[in-house]
Amino acid sequence: MRPIRLLLLFFTLLASAAMAFAAEEAPDALAKRTTDEVLTIIRQNSEIKHNKAKLYALIDAKVLPHFDFSHMTRLAVGRHWSSATPGQQQTLTKEFRALLVRTYSTALTNYKSQKVVFKPLHMAEGQTDVTIKTESIQSGEKPVPIDYTMEKTANGWKVYDVAVDNVSLITTYRGTFDSEIRKSGVDGLIKTLQQKNQAAGSAKE
């Protein structure tokens, strides 16, 4: 029995080491690995771009685990977040997450043969908030900068904002959400998001 126990102990320690290594993955390495994995799948299975269910499944498996939707929603709702009830905050997060999934899926649907180049990251020791700078390069066109703002959480590095061509996703939605809330309150914003998500969900695959 002793050799078996030693073998089990070895594999347990090996698994623990692998998990620790994954948890310590640098933010730029995490972003690059995720991007490479998603684009490789899209290149090898081009039909995924035309199948909403498969595209959503890909995003759910490879992309969403690396986003902090609670933080993103809180930033997008801005000063109105504190006046929303816990139930409203939960619903807003759920609907905003669905909205961002649709936004990301649209970007992947339009993917052709762009190459994503990651700029070097200079991060100080102990730094917990970074911006990963990349460029989407398409032959014959001007490179488009895409920046991912990430923070270190108890569950690893998470994205909480994306800026495309220097336009922040959070800042853009904050203006739209603020206008909607001032017009019809938090429940009005929730209703608008639900209607948009339901309409997209019922669209033909």
N, C-alpha and C. Protein backbone atom coordinates (compact mmCIF):
# COMPACT_ATOMS: atom_id res chain seq x y z
N MET A 1 0.82 -1.21 0.00
CA MET A 1 0.00 0.00 0.00
C MET A 1 0.85 1.26 0.00
N ARG A 2 2.06 1.17 0.61
CA ARG A 2 2.87 2.37 0.73
C ARG A 2 3.22 2.99 -0.62
N PRO A 3 3.67 2.19 -1.62
CA PRO A 3 3.98 2.78 -2.93
C PRO A 3 2.77 3.49 -3.54
N ILE A 4 1.59 2.92 -3.36
CA ILE A 4 0.38 3.54 -3.91
C ILE A 4 0.11 4.87 -3.24
N ARG A 5 0.28 4.89 -1.90
CA ARG A 5 0.06 6.12 -1.17
C ARG A 5 1.06 7.20 -1.58
N LEU A 6 2.32 6.78 -1.77
CA LEU A 6 3.34 7.73 -2.20
C LEU A 6 3.03 8.28 -3.59
N LEU A 7 2.51 7.40 -4.45
CA LEU A 7 2.16 7.82 -5.80
C LEU A 7 1.00 8.82 -5.77
N LEU A 8 0.00 8.53 -4.92
CA LEU A 8 -1.14 9.44 -4.79
C LEU A 8 -0.68 10.78 -4.24
N LEU A 9 0.24 10.74 -3.26
CA LEU A 9 0.76 11.98 -2.69
C LEU A 9 1.49 12.79 -3.75
N PHE A 10 2.27 12.09 -4.59
CA PHE A 10 3.02 12.76 -5.66
C PHE A 10 2.08 13.49 -6.61
N PHE A 11 1.02 12.80 -7.03
CA PHE A 11 0.07 13.42 -7.96
C PHE A 11 -0.70 14.56 -7.30
N THR A 12 -0.98 14.43 -6.00
CA THR A 12 -1.65 15.51 -5.29
C THR A 12 -0.79 16.76 -5.26
N LEU A 13 0.51 16.56 -4.94
CA LEU A 13 1.44 17.69 -4.90
C LEU A 13 1.62 18.29 -6.28
N LEU A 14 1.66 17.45 -7.30
CA LEU A 14 1.82 17.91 -8.68
C LEU A 14 0.62 18.76 -9.09
N ALA A 15 -0.58 18.28 -8.75
CA ALA A 15 -1.79 19.03 -9.08
C ALA A 15 -1.81 20.36 -8.34
N SER A 16 -1.41 20.36 -7.08
CA SER A 16 -1.40 21.60 -6.29
C SER A 16 -0.42 22.60 -6.89
N ALA A 17 0.74 22.11 -7.32
CA ALA A 17 1.74 22.99 -7.93
C ALA A 17 1.22 23.58 -9.23
N ALA A 18 0.52 22.75 -10.01
CA ALA A 18 -0.03 23.23 -11.29
C ALA A 18 -1.08 24.30 -11.05
N MET A 19 -1.92 24.10 -10.02
CA MET A 19 -2.95 25.07 -9.71
C MET A 19 -2.33 26.38 -9.22
N ALA A 20 -1.28 26.28 -8.43
CA ALA A 20 -0.61 27.48 -7.94
C ALA A 20 0.03 28.24 -9.09
N PHE A 21 0.63 27.50 -10.03
CA PHE A 21 1.25 28.15 -11.19
C PHE A 21 0.21 28.89 -12.01
N ALA A 22 -0.98 28.26 -12.21
CA ALA A 22 -2.04 28.87 -13.00
C ALA A 22 -2.55 30.14 -12.32
N ALA A 23 -2.65 30.08 -10.97
CA ALA A 23 -3.16 31.23 -10.23
C ALA A 23 -2.20 32.41 -10.31
N GLU A 24 -0.90 32.13 -10.49
CA GLU A 24 0.11 33.18 -10.53
C GLU A 24 0.41 33.65 -11.95
N GLU A 25 -0.34 33.21 -12.92
CA GLU A 25 -0.10 33.60 -14.31
C GLU A 25 -0.18 35.11 -14.47
N ALA A 26 0.80 35.69 -15.10
CA ALA A 26 0.85 37.14 -15.28
C ALA A 26 -0.35 37.61 -16.11
N PRO A 27 -0.83 38.84 -15.88
CA PRO A 27 -2.02 39.31 -16.57
C PRO A 27 -1.87 39.36 -18.09
N ASP A 28 -0.70 39.79 -18.58
CA ASP A 28 -0.51 39.84 -20.03
C ASP A 28 -0.44 38.44 -20.63
N ALA A 29 0.16 37.50 -19.90
CA ALA A 29 0.23 36.12 -20.37
C ALA A 29 -1.16 35.50 -20.41
N LEU A 30 -1.96 35.81 -19.40
CA LEU A 30 -3.34 35.32 -19.35
C LEU A 30 -4.16 35.86 -20.52
N ALA A 31 -4.04 37.16 -20.76
CA ALA A 31 -4.79 37.79 -21.85
C ALA A 31 -4.36 37.23 -23.21
N LYS A 32 -3.06 37.05 -23.39
CA LYS A 32 -2.55 36.53 -24.66
C LYS A 32 -2.98 35.08 -24.87
N ARG A 33 -2.88 34.28 -23.83
CA ARG A 33 -3.27 32.87 -23.96
C ARG A 33 -4.75 32.75 -24.31
N THR A 34 -5.58 33.53 -23.63
CA THR A 34 -7.02 33.47 -23.89
C THR A 34 -7.34 33.91 -25.31
N THR A 35 -6.71 35.01 -25.74
CA THR A 35 -6.94 35.51 -27.10
C THR A 35 -6.49 34.50 -28.14
N ASP A 36 -5.31 33.93 -27.94
CA ASP A 36 -4.78 32.94 -28.89
C ASP A 36 -5.69 31.72 -28.98
N GLU A 37 -6.18 31.26 -27.83
CA GLU A 37 -7.04 30.08 -27.82
C GLU A 37 -8.34 30.33 -28.59
N VAL A 38 -8.96 31.49 -28.32
CA VAL A 38 -10.23 31.81 -28.98
C VAL A 38 -10.05 31.97 -30.48
N LEU A 39 -9.03 32.73 -30.89
CA LEU A 39 -8.82 32.96 -32.32
C LEU A 39 -8.42 31.69 -33.06
N THR A 40 -7.67 30.83 -32.39
CA THR A 40 -7.29 29.55 -33.01
C THR A 40 -8.53 28.70 -33.27
N ILE A 41 -9.44 28.67 -32.30
CA ILE A 41 -10.68 27.91 -32.47
C ILE A 41 -11.52 28.49 -33.61
N ILE A 42 -11.58 29.82 -33.69
CA ILE A 42 -12.35 30.48 -34.75
C ILE A 42 -11.74 30.17 -36.12
N ARG A 43 -10.41 30.20 -36.20
CA ARG A 43 -9.75 29.92 -37.48
C ARG A 43 -9.96 28.48 -37.92
N GLN A 44 -9.90 27.56 -36.97
CA GLN A 44 -10.02 26.14 -37.30
C GLN A 44 -11.46 25.70 -37.50
N ASN A 45 -12.40 26.46 -36.95
CA ASN A 45 -13.82 26.11 -37.07
C ASN A 45 -14.61 27.36 -37.46
N SER A 46 -14.45 27.78 -38.68
CA SER A 46 -15.05 29.04 -39.13
C SER A 46 -16.57 29.04 -39.04
N GLU A 47 -17.19 27.85 -39.03
CA GLU A 47 -18.66 27.79 -38.97
C GLU A 47 -19.20 28.28 -37.62
N ILE A 48 -18.33 28.30 -36.60
CA ILE A 48 -18.76 28.77 -35.28
C ILE A 48 -19.26 30.21 -35.35
N LYS A 49 -18.64 31.01 -36.22
CA LYS A 49 -19.03 32.42 -36.32
C LYS A 49 -20.48 32.59 -36.75
N HIS A 50 -21.03 31.57 -37.40
CA HIS A 50 -22.39 31.66 -37.92
C HIS A 50 -23.39 30.84 -37.10
N ASN A 51 -22.92 30.33 -35.97
CA ASN A 51 -23.79 29.55 -35.09
C ASN A 51 -23.80 30.22 -33.71
N LYS A 52 -24.88 30.94 -33.41
CA LYS A 52 -24.93 31.73 -32.18
C LYS A 52 -24.73 30.88 -30.94
N ALA A 53 -25.35 29.72 -30.89
CA ALA A 53 -25.26 28.86 -29.72
C ALA A 53 -23.81 28.42 -29.48
N LYS A 54 -23.12 28.00 -30.54
CA LYS A 54 -21.74 27.56 -30.40
C LYS A 54 -20.82 28.73 -30.06
N LEU A 55 -21.10 29.89 -30.64
CA LEU A 55 -20.29 31.07 -30.37
C LEU A 55 -20.43 31.49 -28.91
N TYR A 56 -21.66 31.50 -28.41
CA TYR A 56 -21.90 31.85 -27.01
C TYR A 56 -21.23 30.84 -26.09
N ALA A 57 -21.27 29.57 -26.46
CA ALA A 57 -20.64 28.52 -25.64
C ALA A 57 -19.13 28.72 -25.58
N LEU A 58 -18.54 29.11 -26.71
CA LEU A 58 -17.10 29.37 -26.77
C LEU A 58 -16.74 30.54 -25.86
N ILE A 59 -17.52 31.60 -25.95
CA ILE A 59 -17.26 32.78 -25.12
C ILE A 59 -17.43 32.45 -23.64
N ASP A 60 -18.46 31.68 -23.34
CA ASP A 60 -18.75 31.31 -21.96
C ASP A 60 -17.61 30.48 -21.36
N ALA A 61 -17.03 29.62 -22.17
CA ALA A 61 -15.98 28.72 -21.68
C ALA A 61 -14.60 29.38 -21.62
N LYS A 62 -14.29 30.21 -22.63
CA LYS A 62 -12.93 30.73 -22.75
C LYS A 62 -12.74 32.18 -22.30
N VAL A 63 -13.78 32.99 -22.40
CA VAL A 63 -13.63 34.44 -22.17
C VAL A 63 -14.22 34.90 -20.85
N LEU A 64 -15.48 34.56 -20.60
CA LEU A 64 -16.20 35.09 -19.44
C LEU A 64 -15.52 34.84 -18.09
N PRO A 65 -14.84 33.70 -17.88
CA PRO A 65 -14.20 33.48 -16.58
C PRO A 65 -13.16 34.53 -16.23
N HIS A 66 -12.68 35.27 -17.23
CA HIS A 66 -11.62 36.25 -17.00
C HIS A 66 -12.15 37.68 -16.91
N PHE A 67 -13.47 37.85 -16.82
CA PHE A 67 -14.07 39.18 -16.68
C PHE A 67 -14.75 39.31 -15.32
N ASP A 68 -14.65 40.49 -14.72
CA ASP A 68 -15.33 40.79 -13.46
C ASP A 68 -16.58 41.60 -13.79
N PHE A 69 -17.69 40.91 -14.03
CA PHE A 69 -18.91 41.59 -14.47
C PHE A 69 -19.54 42.44 -13.38
N SER A 70 -19.36 42.05 -12.14
CA SER A 70 -19.90 42.85 -11.04
C SER A 70 -19.22 44.21 -11.00
N HIS A 71 -17.89 44.20 -11.11
CA HIS A 71 -17.13 45.46 -11.11
C HIS A 71 -17.47 46.29 -12.34
N MET A 72 -17.57 45.66 -13.49
CA MET A 72 -17.88 46.36 -14.73
C MET A 72 -19.25 47.04 -14.66
N THR A 73 -20.23 46.30 -14.13
CA THR A 73 -21.58 46.85 -14.03
C THR A 73 -21.62 48.02 -13.06
N ARG A 74 -20.93 47.87 -11.95
CA ARG A 74 -20.88 48.94 -10.95
C ARG A 74 -20.28 50.22 -11.55
N LEU A 75 -19.22 50.07 -12.33
CA LEU A 75 -18.59 51.23 -12.96
C LEU A 75 -19.49 51.85 -14.03
N ALA A 76 -20.17 50.98 -14.79
CA ALA A 76 -21.03 51.48 -15.88
C ALA A 76 -22.26 52.21 -15.34
N VAL A 77 -22.82 51.72 -14.26
CA VAL A 77 -23.99 52.37 -13.66
C VAL A 77 -23.58 53.64 -12.92
N GLY A 78 -22.33 53.67 -12.45
CA GLY A 78 -21.79 54.88 -11.85
C GLY A 78 -22.45 55.28 -10.55
N ARG A 79 -22.75 56.57 -10.41
CA ARG A 79 -23.28 57.12 -9.16
C ARG A 79 -24.65 56.55 -8.79
N HIS A 80 -25.34 55.94 -9.74
CA HIS A 80 -26.67 55.39 -9.47
C HIS A 80 -26.60 54.02 -8.78
N TRP A 81 -25.41 53.42 -8.78
CA TRP A 81 -25.27 52.06 -8.23
C TRP A 81 -25.66 52.01 -6.76
N SER A 82 -25.23 53.00 -5.99
CA SER A 82 -25.48 52.99 -4.55
C SER A 82 -26.96 53.15 -4.21
N SER A 83 -27.73 53.72 -5.12
CA SER A 83 -29.16 53.91 -4.85
C SER A 83 -30.00 52.73 -5.32
N ALA A 84 -29.37 51.79 -6.03
CA ALA A 84 -30.08 50.59 -6.49
C ALA A 84 -30.16 49.58 -5.36
N THR A 85 -31.24 48.82 -5.30
CA THR A 85 -31.38 47.79 -4.28
C THR A 85 -30.49 46.61 -4.64
N PRO A 86 -30.18 45.74 -3.67
CA PRO A 86 -29.37 44.55 -3.99
C PRO A 86 -29.97 43.72 -5.13
N GLY A 87 -31.31 43.63 -5.15
CA GLY A 87 -31.98 42.89 -6.22
C GLY A 87 -31.78 43.54 -7.56
N GLN A 88 -31.86 44.86 -7.59
CA GLN A 88 -31.65 45.60 -8.84
C GLN A 88 -30.21 45.46 -9.31
N GLN A 89 -29.28 45.53 -8.36
CA GLN A 89 -27.86 45.40 -8.70
C GLN A 89 -27.58 44.03 -9.32
N GLN A 90 -28.19 43.00 -8.74
CA GLN A 90 -28.00 41.64 -9.26
C GLN A 90 -28.57 41.52 -10.67
N THR A 91 -29.75 42.08 -10.90
CA THR A 91 -30.37 42.01 -12.22
C THR A 91 -29.59 42.83 -13.24
N LEU A 92 -29.12 44.00 -12.83
CA LEU A 92 -28.32 44.83 -13.73
C LEU A 92 -27.05 44.08 -14.16
N THR A 93 -26.41 43.42 -13.22
CA THR A 93 -25.19 42.67 -13.53
C THR A 93 -25.48 41.55 -14.51
N LYS A 94 -26.58 40.84 -14.28
CA LYS A 94 -26.98 39.74 -15.16
C LYS A 94 -27.25 40.23 -16.58
N GLU A 95 -28.01 41.33 -16.70
CA GLU A 95 -28.37 41.83 -18.03
C GLU A 95 -27.18 42.49 -18.73
N PHE A 96 -26.33 43.17 -17.97
CA PHE A 96 -25.15 43.80 -18.57
C PHE A 96 -24.19 42.72 -19.06
N ARG A 97 -24.10 41.64 -18.31
CA ARG A 97 -23.26 40.51 -18.74
C ARG A 97 -23.76 39.96 -20.07
N ALA A 98 -25.07 39.79 -20.19
CA ALA A 98 -25.65 39.28 -21.43
C ALA A 98 -25.38 40.24 -22.58
N LEU A 99 -25.46 41.54 -22.28
CA LEU A 99 -25.21 42.55 -23.31
C LEU A 99 -23.77 42.48 -23.80
N LEU A 100 -22.83 42.31 -22.87
CA LEU A 100 -21.42 42.24 -23.24
C LEU A 100 -21.10 40.96 -24.01
N VAL A 101 -21.79 39.88 -23.68
CA VAL A 101 -21.61 38.63 -24.42
C VAL A 101 -22.00 38.84 -25.88
N ARG A 102 -23.11 39.53 -26.11
CA ARG A 102 -23.56 39.81 -27.47
C ARG A 102 -22.56 40.72 -28.19
N THR A 103 -22.03 41.70 -27.47
CA THR A 103 -21.05 42.61 -28.06
C THR A 103 -19.80 41.84 -28.48
N TYR A 104 -19.32 40.95 -27.61
CA TYR A 104 -18.13 40.17 -27.90
C TYR A 104 -18.37 39.19 -29.04
N SER A 105 -19.55 38.60 -29.07
CA SER A 105 -19.86 37.64 -30.13
C SER A 105 -19.93 38.33 -31.49
N THR A 106 -20.43 39.57 -31.50
CA THR A 106 -20.48 40.34 -32.75
C THR A 106 -19.07 40.60 -33.26
N ALA A 107 -18.16 40.92 -32.34
CA ALA A 107 -16.77 41.16 -32.73
C ALA A 107 -16.16 39.90 -33.34
N LEU A 108 -16.45 38.74 -32.75
CA LEU A 108 -15.90 37.49 -33.27
C LEU A 108 -16.55 37.11 -34.60
N THR A 109 -17.83 37.45 -34.76
CA THR A 109 -18.51 37.17 -36.03
C THR A 109 -17.86 37.93 -37.18
N ASN A 110 -17.38 39.14 -36.87
CA ASN A 110 -16.75 39.98 -37.89
C ASN A 110 -15.26 39.70 -38.05
N TYR A 111 -14.76 38.73 -37.29
CA TYR A 111 -13.33 38.41 -37.38
C TYR A 111 -13.00 37.81 -38.74
N LYS A 112 -11.92 38.29 -39.33
CA LYS A 112 -11.47 37.75 -40.62
C LYS A 112 -10.10 37.11 -40.45
N SER A 113 -9.07 37.88 -40.61
CA SER A 113 -7.73 37.32 -40.46
C SER A 113 -6.83 38.28 -39.69
N GLN A 114 -7.45 39.08 -38.83
CA GLN A 114 -6.68 40.04 -38.07
C GLN A 114 -5.67 39.34 -37.15
N LYS A 115 -4.56 40.00 -36.96
CA LYS A 115 -3.53 39.51 -36.04
C LYS A 115 -3.52 40.41 -34.82
N VAL A 116 -3.47 39.83 -33.65
CA VAL A 116 -3.45 40.61 -32.42
C VAL A 116 -2.03 40.62 -31.86
N VAL A 117 -1.47 41.81 -31.74
CA VAL A 117 -0.10 41.97 -31.23
C VAL A 117 -0.16 42.55 -29.82
N PHE A 118 0.53 41.91 -28.89
CA PHE A 118 0.56 42.36 -27.51
C PHE A 118 1.81 43.19 -27.25
N LYS A 119 1.62 44.39 -26.69
CA LYS A 119 2.74 45.26 -26.36
C LYS A 119 3.36 44.79 -25.04
N PRO A 120 4.66 45.06 -24.84
CA PRO A 120 5.32 44.66 -23.58
C PRO A 120 4.64 45.33 -22.37
N LEU A 121 4.50 44.57 -21.31
CA LEU A 121 3.89 45.09 -20.09
C LEU A 121 4.98 45.35 -19.06
N HIS A 122 5.04 46.58 -18.56
CA HIS A 122 5.99 46.93 -17.52
C HIS A 122 5.21 47.09 -16.21
N MET A 123 5.31 46.08 -15.35
CA MET A 123 4.51 46.04 -14.14
C MET A 123 5.40 46.04 -12.91
N ALA A 124 5.11 46.95 -11.99
CA ALA A 124 5.89 47.03 -10.77
C ALA A 124 5.53 45.88 -9.83
N GLU A 125 6.47 45.51 -8.97
CA GLU A 125 6.22 44.43 -8.03
C GLU A 125 5.06 44.80 -7.10
N GLY A 126 4.12 43.90 -6.97
CA GLY A 126 2.98 44.15 -6.10
C GLY A 126 1.86 44.94 -6.75
N GLN A 127 2.02 45.34 -7.99
CA GLN A 127 0.99 46.11 -8.69
C GLN A 127 -0.25 45.24 -8.90
N THR A 128 -1.43 45.79 -8.63
CA THR A 128 -2.66 45.01 -8.71
C THR A 128 -3.64 45.54 -9.74
N ASP A 129 -3.24 46.55 -10.50
CA ASP A 129 -4.12 47.13 -11.53
C ASP A 129 -3.25 47.47 -12.73
N VAL A 130 -3.54 46.86 -13.87
CA VAL A 130 -2.70 47.07 -15.06
C VAL A 130 -3.56 47.24 -16.31
N THR A 131 -2.96 47.77 -17.35
CA THR A 131 -3.61 47.88 -18.64
C THR A 131 -2.78 47.12 -19.67
N ILE A 132 -3.38 46.12 -20.27
CA ILE A 132 -2.71 45.32 -21.30
C ILE A 132 -2.99 45.97 -22.65
N LYS A 133 -1.95 46.44 -23.31
CA LYS A 133 -2.12 47.14 -24.58
C LYS A 133 -1.86 46.18 -25.75
N THR A 134 -2.81 46.15 -26.68
CA THR A 134 -2.67 45.31 -27.87
C THR A 134 -3.07 46.10 -29.11
N GLU A 135 -2.78 45.54 -30.25
CA GLU A 135 -3.21 46.12 -31.52
C GLU A 135 -3.78 45.03 -32.40
N SER A 136 -4.92 45.32 -33.01
CA SER A 136 -5.51 44.41 -33.98
C SER A 136 -5.06 44.87 -35.35
N ILE A 137 -4.33 44.01 -36.04
CA ILE A 137 -3.73 44.39 -37.32
C ILE A 137 -4.37 43.62 -38.47
N GLN A 138 -4.90 44.37 -39.41
CA GLN A 138 -5.48 43.80 -40.62
C GLN A 138 -4.71 44.34 -41.82
N SER A 139 -4.31 43.47 -42.72
CA SER A 139 -3.52 43.88 -43.88
C SER A 139 -4.22 45.00 -44.65
N GLY A 140 -3.47 46.06 -44.92
CA GLY A 140 -4.00 47.18 -45.70
C GLY A 140 -4.80 48.19 -44.90
N GLU A 141 -4.93 47.97 -43.59
CA GLU A 141 -5.69 48.89 -42.75
C GLU A 141 -4.86 49.40 -41.58
N LYS A 142 -5.31 50.49 -41.00
CA LYS A 142 -4.61 51.07 -39.85
C LYS A 142 -4.83 50.18 -38.63
N PRO A 143 -3.76 49.91 -37.86
CA PRO A 143 -3.91 49.08 -36.66
C PRO A 143 -4.90 49.71 -35.68
N VAL A 144 -5.69 48.87 -35.03
CA VAL A 144 -6.68 49.34 -34.06
C VAL A 144 -6.22 48.96 -32.66
N PRO A 145 -5.94 49.96 -31.79
CA PRO A 145 -5.52 49.63 -30.43
C PRO A 145 -6.68 49.10 -29.61
N ILE A 146 -6.43 48.01 -28.88
CA ILE A 146 -7.42 47.43 -27.98
C ILE A 146 -6.73 47.20 -26.64
N ASP A 147 -7.21 47.91 -25.61
CA ASP A 147 -6.58 47.83 -24.30
C ASP A 147 -7.51 47.15 -23.29
N TYR A 148 -6.94 46.27 -22.49
CA TYR A 148 -7.69 45.57 -21.45
C TYR A 148 -7.20 46.04 -20.08
N THR A 149 -8.10 46.62 -19.29
CA THR A 149 -7.74 47.03 -17.94
C THR A 149 -8.11 45.89 -17.00
N MET A 150 -7.12 45.45 -16.22
CA MET A 150 -7.31 44.28 -15.36
C MET A 150 -6.90 44.59 -13.93
N GLU A 151 -7.52 43.87 -13.01
CA GLU A 151 -7.14 43.98 -11.61
C GLU A 151 -6.94 42.60 -11.03
N LYS A 152 -6.06 42.53 -10.03
CA LYS A 152 -5.80 41.25 -9.37
C LYS A 152 -6.82 41.05 -8.27
N THR A 153 -7.54 39.94 -8.33
CA THR A 153 -8.56 39.63 -7.33
C THR A 153 -8.17 38.34 -6.61
N ALA A 154 -9.00 37.94 -5.67
CA ALA A 154 -8.75 36.69 -4.95
C ALA A 154 -8.84 35.49 -5.90
N ASN A 155 -9.49 35.68 -7.05
CA ASN A 155 -9.65 34.60 -8.03
C ASN A 155 -8.78 34.81 -9.26
N GLY A 156 -7.71 35.59 -9.12
CA GLY A 156 -6.81 35.83 -10.24
C GLY A 156 -7.08 37.16 -10.92
N TRP A 157 -6.39 37.39 -12.02
CA TRP A 157 -6.54 38.63 -12.76
C TRP A 157 -7.85 38.63 -13.56
N LYS A 158 -8.58 39.75 -13.46
CA LYS A 158 -9.86 39.87 -14.14
C LYS A 158 -9.92 41.19 -14.93
N VAL A 159 -10.54 41.13 -16.10
CA VAL A 159 -10.75 42.32 -16.92
C VAL A 159 -11.97 43.07 -16.39
N TYR A 160 -11.85 44.41 -16.25
CA TYR A 160 -13.02 45.19 -15.86
C TYR A 160 -13.30 46.36 -16.80
N ASP A 161 -12.49 46.50 -17.83
CA ASP A 161 -12.79 47.49 -18.87
C ASP A 161 -12.02 47.14 -20.13
N VAL A 162 -12.58 47.51 -21.27
CA VAL A 162 -11.93 47.31 -22.56
C VAL A 162 -12.06 48.61 -23.34
N ALA A 163 -10.96 49.07 -23.90
CA ALA A 163 -10.99 50.29 -24.71
C ALA A 163 -10.59 49.93 -26.14
N VAL A 164 -11.45 50.23 -27.09
CA VAL A 164 -11.19 49.97 -28.50
C VAL A 164 -10.95 51.30 -29.20
N ASP A 165 -9.77 51.44 -29.80
CA ASP A 165 -9.39 52.71 -30.45
C ASP A 165 -9.52 53.87 -29.46
N ASN A 166 -9.08 53.62 -28.22
CA ASN A 166 -9.06 54.61 -27.13
C ASN A 166 -10.44 55.01 -26.63
N VAL A 167 -11.46 54.24 -26.98
CA VAL A 167 -12.82 54.50 -26.48
C VAL A 167 -13.17 53.42 -25.47
N SER A 168 -13.36 53.82 -24.21
CA SER A 168 -13.64 52.89 -23.13
C SER A 168 -15.06 52.35 -23.21
N LEU A 169 -15.18 51.04 -23.09
CA LEU A 169 -16.49 50.38 -23.09
C LEU A 169 -17.31 50.88 -21.90
N ILE A 170 -16.69 50.93 -20.73
CA ILE A 170 -17.38 51.35 -19.52
C ILE A 170 -17.84 52.81 -19.62
N THR A 171 -16.97 53.68 -20.08
CA THR A 171 -17.31 55.10 -20.20
C THR A 171 -18.47 55.30 -21.18
N THR A 172 -18.44 54.56 -22.27
CA THR A 172 -19.50 54.66 -23.27
C THR A 172 -20.85 54.25 -22.68
N TYR A 173 -20.88 53.10 -22.02
CA TYR A 173 -22.14 52.63 -21.43
C TYR A 173 -22.58 53.50 -20.26
N ARG A 174 -21.62 54.08 -19.53
CA ARG A 174 -21.99 54.91 -18.39
C ARG A 174 -22.85 56.10 -18.83
N GLY A 175 -22.48 56.70 -19.95
CA GLY A 175 -23.26 57.82 -20.46
C GLY A 175 -24.65 57.39 -20.87
N THR A 176 -24.75 56.25 -21.54
CA THR A 176 -26.05 55.73 -21.98
C THR A 176 -26.91 55.34 -20.78
N PHE A 177 -26.31 54.65 -19.82
CA PHE A 177 -27.05 54.21 -18.63
C PHE A 177 -27.52 55.40 -17.80
N ASP A 178 -26.65 56.39 -17.65
CA ASP A 178 -27.02 57.58 -16.87
C ASP A 178 -28.23 58.27 -17.48
N SER A 179 -28.23 58.39 -18.79
CA SER A 179 -29.34 59.03 -19.48
C SER A 179 -30.64 58.26 -19.27
N GLU A 180 -30.56 56.93 -19.36
CA GLU A 180 -31.74 56.08 -19.21
C GLU A 180 -32.27 56.14 -17.77
N ILE A 181 -31.37 56.11 -16.79
CA ILE A 181 -31.79 56.13 -15.39
C ILE A 181 -32.41 57.47 -15.02
N ARG A 182 -31.85 58.57 -15.52
CA ARG A 182 -32.43 59.89 -15.23
C ARG A 182 -33.81 60.04 -15.86
N LYS A 183 -34.04 59.31 -16.94
CA LYS A 183 -35.32 59.40 -17.64
C LYS A 183 -36.38 58.49 -17.02
N SER A 184 -35.98 57.24 -16.66
CA SER A 184 -36.99 56.29 -16.19
C SER A 184 -36.56 55.46 -15.00
N GLY A 185 -35.48 55.87 -14.31
CA GLY A 185 -35.06 55.18 -13.11
C GLY A 185 -34.29 53.89 -13.39
N VAL A 186 -33.82 53.27 -12.31
CA VAL A 186 -33.06 52.03 -12.43
C VAL A 186 -33.90 50.93 -13.07
N ASP A 187 -35.17 50.85 -12.68
CA ASP A 187 -36.05 49.83 -13.26
C ASP A 187 -36.23 50.05 -14.76
N GLY A 188 -36.20 51.30 -15.17
CA GLY A 188 -36.31 51.61 -16.59
C GLY A 188 -35.11 51.10 -17.36
N LEU A 189 -33.91 51.26 -16.78
CA LEU A 189 -32.70 50.74 -17.41
C LEU A 189 -32.75 49.22 -17.49
N ILE A 190 -33.17 48.60 -16.39
CA ILE A 190 -33.27 47.13 -16.38
C ILE A 190 -34.23 46.65 -17.47
N LYS A 191 -35.37 47.31 -17.60
CA LYS A 191 -36.35 46.93 -18.61
C LYS A 191 -35.78 47.07 -20.01
N THR A 192 -35.05 48.16 -20.25
CA THR A 192 -34.44 48.38 -21.57
C THR A 192 -33.43 47.29 -21.89
N LEU A 193 -32.57 46.95 -20.92
CA LEU A 193 -31.57 45.91 -21.14
C LEU A 193 -32.23 44.55 -21.37
N GLN A 194 -33.26 44.26 -20.60
CA GLN A 194 -33.96 42.98 -20.76
C GLN A 194 -34.60 42.87 -22.13
N GLN A 195 -35.21 43.95 -22.60
CA GLN A 195 -35.86 43.93 -23.91
C GLN A 195 -34.84 43.72 -25.02
N LYS A 196 -33.69 44.38 -24.91
CA LYS A 196 -32.65 44.22 -25.93
C LYS A 196 -32.08 42.80 -25.92
N ASN A 197 -31.86 42.26 -24.75
CA ASN A 197 -31.31 40.91 -24.66
C ASN A 197 -32.30 39.85 -25.11
N GLN A 198 -33.57 40.06 -24.78
CA GLN A 198 -34.60 39.12 -25.20
C GLN A 198 -34.79 39.16 -26.71
N ALA A 199 -34.74 40.36 -27.27
CA ALA A 199 -34.88 40.49 -28.72
C ALA A 199 -33.72 39.80 -29.44
N ALA A 200 -32.52 39.95 -28.88
CA ALA A 200 -31.35 39.30 -29.49
C ALA A 200 -31.44 37.79 -29.33
N GLY A 201 -31.95 37.34 -28.17
CA GLY A 201 -32.05 35.91 -27.92
C GLY A 201 -33.07 35.22 -28.80
N SER A 202 -34.10 35.96 -29.19
CA SER A 202 -35.14 35.36 -30.02
C SER A 202 -34.85 35.49 -31.51
N ALA A 203 -33.76 36.19 -31.84
CA ALA A 203 -33.37 36.34 -33.24
C ALA A 203 -32.99 34.98 -33.82
N LYS A 204 -33.11 34.86 -35.10
CA LYS A 204 -32.80 33.59 -35.78
C LYS A 204 -31.35 33.25 -35.62
N GLU A 205 -31.07 31.99 -35.30
CA GLU A 205 -29.67 31.52 -35.12
C GLU A 205 -28.92 31.68 -36.42
